Amino acid sequence: MISGLLYRGGIRGGHLELMSAGAMGLSIGLWIRAKTVDQQARGNAERRALFTGLWAPTLWLIGDTLRAYE
């Protein structure tokens, strides 16, 4: 149902796979940035990087579902 709505909305599997790669890059960038902040803000910055890293497999699986739908 949701994959059908995404497909009719013009979103293809390749789009979500590119977004997944972007999420991985963003997560790595945030993780590197977390090493440059002071000790008090480091925990929040690392949690932000980990949270962003969780987007990648979710987006990849949705993209894979759309590829099968195509």
N, C-alpha and C. Protein backbone atom coordinates (compact mmCIF):
# COMPACT_ATOMS: atom_id res chain seq x y z
N MET A 1 0.82 -1.18 0.00
CA MET A 1 0.00 0.00 0.00
C MET A 1 0.87 1.26 0.00
N ILE A 2 1.76 1.36 0.95
CA ILE A 2 2.63 2.54 1.01
C ILE A 2 3.57 2.58 -0.19
N SER A 3 4.08 1.40 -0.58
CA SER A 3 4.98 1.39 -1.74
C SER A 3 4.23 1.81 -2.99
N GLY A 4 2.97 1.44 -3.11
CA GLY A 4 2.17 1.87 -4.25
C GLY A 4 1.96 3.38 -4.26
N LEU A 5 1.72 3.94 -3.09
CA LEU A 5 1.57 5.40 -3.00
C LEU A 5 2.86 6.12 -3.36
N LEU A 6 3.98 5.61 -2.87
CA LEU A 6 5.27 6.22 -3.20
C LEU A 6 5.54 6.12 -4.70
N TYR A 7 5.23 4.97 -5.29
CA TYR A 7 5.46 4.77 -6.72
C TYR A 7 4.59 5.70 -7.54
N ARG A 8 3.32 5.82 -7.17
CA ARG A 8 2.43 6.74 -7.89
C ARG A 8 2.83 8.18 -7.68
N GLY A 9 3.49 8.47 -6.57
CA GLY A 9 3.96 9.83 -6.31
C GLY A 9 5.23 10.18 -7.06
N GLY A 10 5.79 9.23 -7.80
CA GLY A 10 6.96 9.51 -8.61
C GLY A 10 8.28 9.14 -7.96
N ILE A 11 8.24 8.53 -6.79
CA ILE A 11 9.48 8.14 -6.11
C ILE A 11 9.84 6.73 -6.57
N ARG A 12 11.07 6.56 -6.99
CA ARG A 12 11.55 5.26 -7.47
C ARG A 12 12.57 4.71 -6.50
N GLY A 13 12.89 3.42 -6.69
CA GLY A 13 13.83 2.76 -5.80
C GLY A 13 15.20 3.41 -5.80
N GLY A 14 15.64 3.87 -6.95
CA GLY A 14 16.94 4.53 -7.04
C GLY A 14 17.02 5.81 -6.23
N HIS A 15 15.91 6.52 -6.16
CA HIS A 15 15.88 7.75 -5.36
C HIS A 15 16.14 7.45 -3.89
N LEU A 16 15.47 6.42 -3.39
CA LEU A 16 15.63 6.08 -1.97
C LEU A 16 17.00 5.48 -1.69
N GLU A 17 17.56 4.76 -2.66
CA GLU A 17 18.91 4.23 -2.46
C GLU A 17 19.93 5.35 -2.43
N LEU A 18 19.74 6.39 -3.24
CA LEU A 18 20.62 7.56 -3.17
C LEU A 18 20.46 8.29 -1.84
N MET A 19 19.22 8.38 -1.36
CA MET A 19 19.00 9.00 -0.06
C MET A 19 19.66 8.18 1.05
N SER A 20 19.67 6.88 0.91
CA SER A 20 20.33 6.01 1.88
C SER A 20 21.83 6.29 1.91
N ALA A 21 22.44 6.41 0.74
CA ALA A 21 23.87 6.72 0.68
C ALA A 21 24.14 8.10 1.27
N GLY A 22 23.24 9.04 1.02
CA GLY A 22 23.38 10.36 1.61
C GLY A 22 23.28 10.33 3.12
N ALA A 23 22.40 9.50 3.64
CA ALA A 23 22.26 9.37 5.10
C ALA A 23 23.53 8.79 5.71
N MET A 24 24.16 7.84 5.01
CA MET A 24 25.42 7.29 5.52
C MET A 24 26.50 8.36 5.54
N GLY A 25 26.57 9.14 4.46
CA GLY A 25 27.55 10.23 4.41
C GLY A 25 27.30 11.27 5.48
N LEU A 26 26.04 11.62 5.68
CA LEU A 26 25.69 12.59 6.73
C LEU A 26 26.05 12.05 8.11
N SER A 27 25.79 10.78 8.33
CA SER A 27 26.12 10.18 9.62
C SER A 27 27.62 10.21 9.88
N ILE A 28 28.39 9.87 8.87
CA ILE A 28 29.86 9.91 9.02
C ILE A 28 30.33 11.33 9.27
N GLY A 29 29.76 12.29 8.54
CA GLY A 29 30.12 13.69 8.75
C GLY A 29 29.77 14.18 10.15
N LEU A 30 28.60 13.79 10.64
CA LEU A 30 28.21 14.18 11.99
C LEU A 30 29.10 13.52 13.04
N TRP A 31 29.50 12.29 12.78
CA TRP A 31 30.37 11.58 13.72
C TRP A 31 31.73 12.26 13.79
N ILE A 32 32.27 12.64 12.64
CA ILE A 32 33.56 13.34 12.62
C ILE A 32 33.43 14.69 13.31
N ARG A 33 32.32 15.39 13.06
CA ARG A 33 32.10 16.68 13.71
C ARG A 33 31.97 16.52 15.22
N ALA A 34 31.42 15.39 15.67
CA ALA A 34 31.25 15.16 17.11
C ALA A 34 32.60 15.10 17.81
N LYS A 35 33.64 14.72 17.10
CA LYS A 35 34.96 14.64 17.72
C LYS A 35 35.58 16.01 17.91
N THR A 36 35.02 17.03 17.27
CA THR A 36 35.60 18.37 17.37
C THR A 36 34.91 19.26 18.40
N VAL A 37 33.75 18.83 18.93
CA VAL A 37 33.04 19.66 19.90
C VAL A 37 33.56 19.37 21.30
N ASP A 38 33.21 20.24 22.25
CA ASP A 38 33.70 20.05 23.61
C ASP A 38 33.04 18.83 24.25
N GLN A 39 33.57 18.43 25.37
CA GLN A 39 33.17 17.17 26.01
C GLN A 39 31.70 17.17 26.42
N GLN A 40 31.16 18.30 26.84
CA GLN A 40 29.77 18.35 27.30
C GLN A 40 28.79 18.13 26.15
N ALA A 41 29.10 18.61 24.97
CA ALA A 41 28.20 18.48 23.83
C ALA A 41 28.49 17.23 23.00
N ARG A 42 29.55 16.52 23.31
CA ARG A 42 29.94 15.38 22.49
C ARG A 42 28.91 14.26 22.53
N GLY A 43 28.33 13.97 23.67
CA GLY A 43 27.35 12.90 23.76
C GLY A 43 26.14 13.16 22.88
N ASN A 44 25.65 14.39 22.89
CA ASN A 44 24.50 14.73 22.05
C ASN A 44 24.86 14.65 20.58
N ALA A 45 26.05 15.09 20.23
CA ALA A 45 26.48 15.04 18.83
C ALA A 45 26.65 13.60 18.36
N GLU A 46 27.16 12.72 19.21
CA GLU A 46 27.31 11.32 18.83
C GLU A 46 25.95 10.64 18.69
N ARG A 47 25.00 10.96 19.57
CA ARG A 47 23.65 10.40 19.45
C ARG A 47 22.99 10.85 18.16
N ARG A 48 23.22 12.10 17.77
CA ARG A 48 22.67 12.61 16.52
C ARG A 48 23.24 11.84 15.33
N ALA A 49 24.53 11.54 15.37
CA ALA A 49 25.17 10.78 14.29
C ALA A 49 24.62 9.36 14.23
N LEU A 50 24.43 8.73 15.38
CA LEU A 50 23.89 7.37 15.39
C LEU A 50 22.43 7.34 14.91
N PHE A 51 21.65 8.32 15.32
CA PHE A 51 20.26 8.39 14.88
C PHE A 51 20.18 8.55 13.37
N THR A 52 21.01 9.40 12.82
CA THR A 52 21.04 9.59 11.37
C THR A 52 21.50 8.33 10.66
N GLY A 53 22.41 7.59 11.28
CA GLY A 53 22.88 6.34 10.70
C GLY A 53 21.80 5.28 10.61
N LEU A 54 20.77 5.38 11.45
CA LEU A 54 19.68 4.42 11.39
C LEU A 54 18.76 4.65 10.20
N TRP A 55 18.82 5.82 9.59
CA TRP A 55 17.99 6.09 8.43
C TRP A 55 18.42 5.27 7.22
N ALA A 56 19.72 5.01 7.09
CA ALA A 56 20.24 4.37 5.89
C ALA A 56 19.61 3.01 5.60
N PRO A 57 19.59 2.06 6.55
CA PRO A 57 18.99 0.78 6.21
C PRO A 57 17.49 0.86 5.97
N THR A 58 16.81 1.77 6.66
CA THR A 58 15.38 1.92 6.46
C THR A 58 15.09 2.41 5.04
N LEU A 59 15.80 3.44 4.63
CA LEU A 59 15.61 3.97 3.28
C LEU A 59 15.99 2.95 2.23
N TRP A 60 17.08 2.20 2.48
CA TRP A 60 17.51 1.19 1.52
C TRP A 60 16.43 0.12 1.33
N LEU A 61 15.85 -0.35 2.44
CA LEU A 61 14.82 -1.39 2.34
C LEU A 61 13.55 -0.88 1.65
N ILE A 62 13.19 0.35 1.90
CA ILE A 62 12.03 0.91 1.20
C ILE A 62 12.35 1.03 -0.29
N GLY A 63 13.57 1.44 -0.62
CA GLY A 63 13.98 1.51 -2.02
C GLY A 63 13.99 0.15 -2.67
N ASP A 64 14.41 -0.87 -1.94
CA ASP A 64 14.42 -2.23 -2.47
C ASP A 64 13.00 -2.72 -2.72
N THR A 65 12.08 -2.37 -1.84
CA THR A 65 10.68 -2.72 -2.03
C THR A 65 10.12 -2.04 -3.28
N LEU A 66 10.48 -0.78 -3.48
CA LEU A 66 10.01 -0.08 -4.68
C LEU A 66 10.61 -0.67 -5.95
N ARG A 67 11.86 -1.11 -5.87
CA ARG A 67 12.47 -1.77 -7.06
C ARG A 67 11.69 -3.03 -7.40
N ALA A 68 11.27 -3.78 -6.40
CA ALA A 68 10.48 -4.98 -6.66
C ALA A 68 9.09 -4.61 -7.19
N TYR A 69 8.59 -3.48 -6.77
CA TYR A 69 7.27 -3.01 -7.23
C TYR A 69 7.33 -2.57 -8.68
N GLU A 70 8.48 -2.05 -9.09
CA GLU A 70 8.64 -1.59 -10.47
C GLU A 70 8.60 -2.78 -11.39
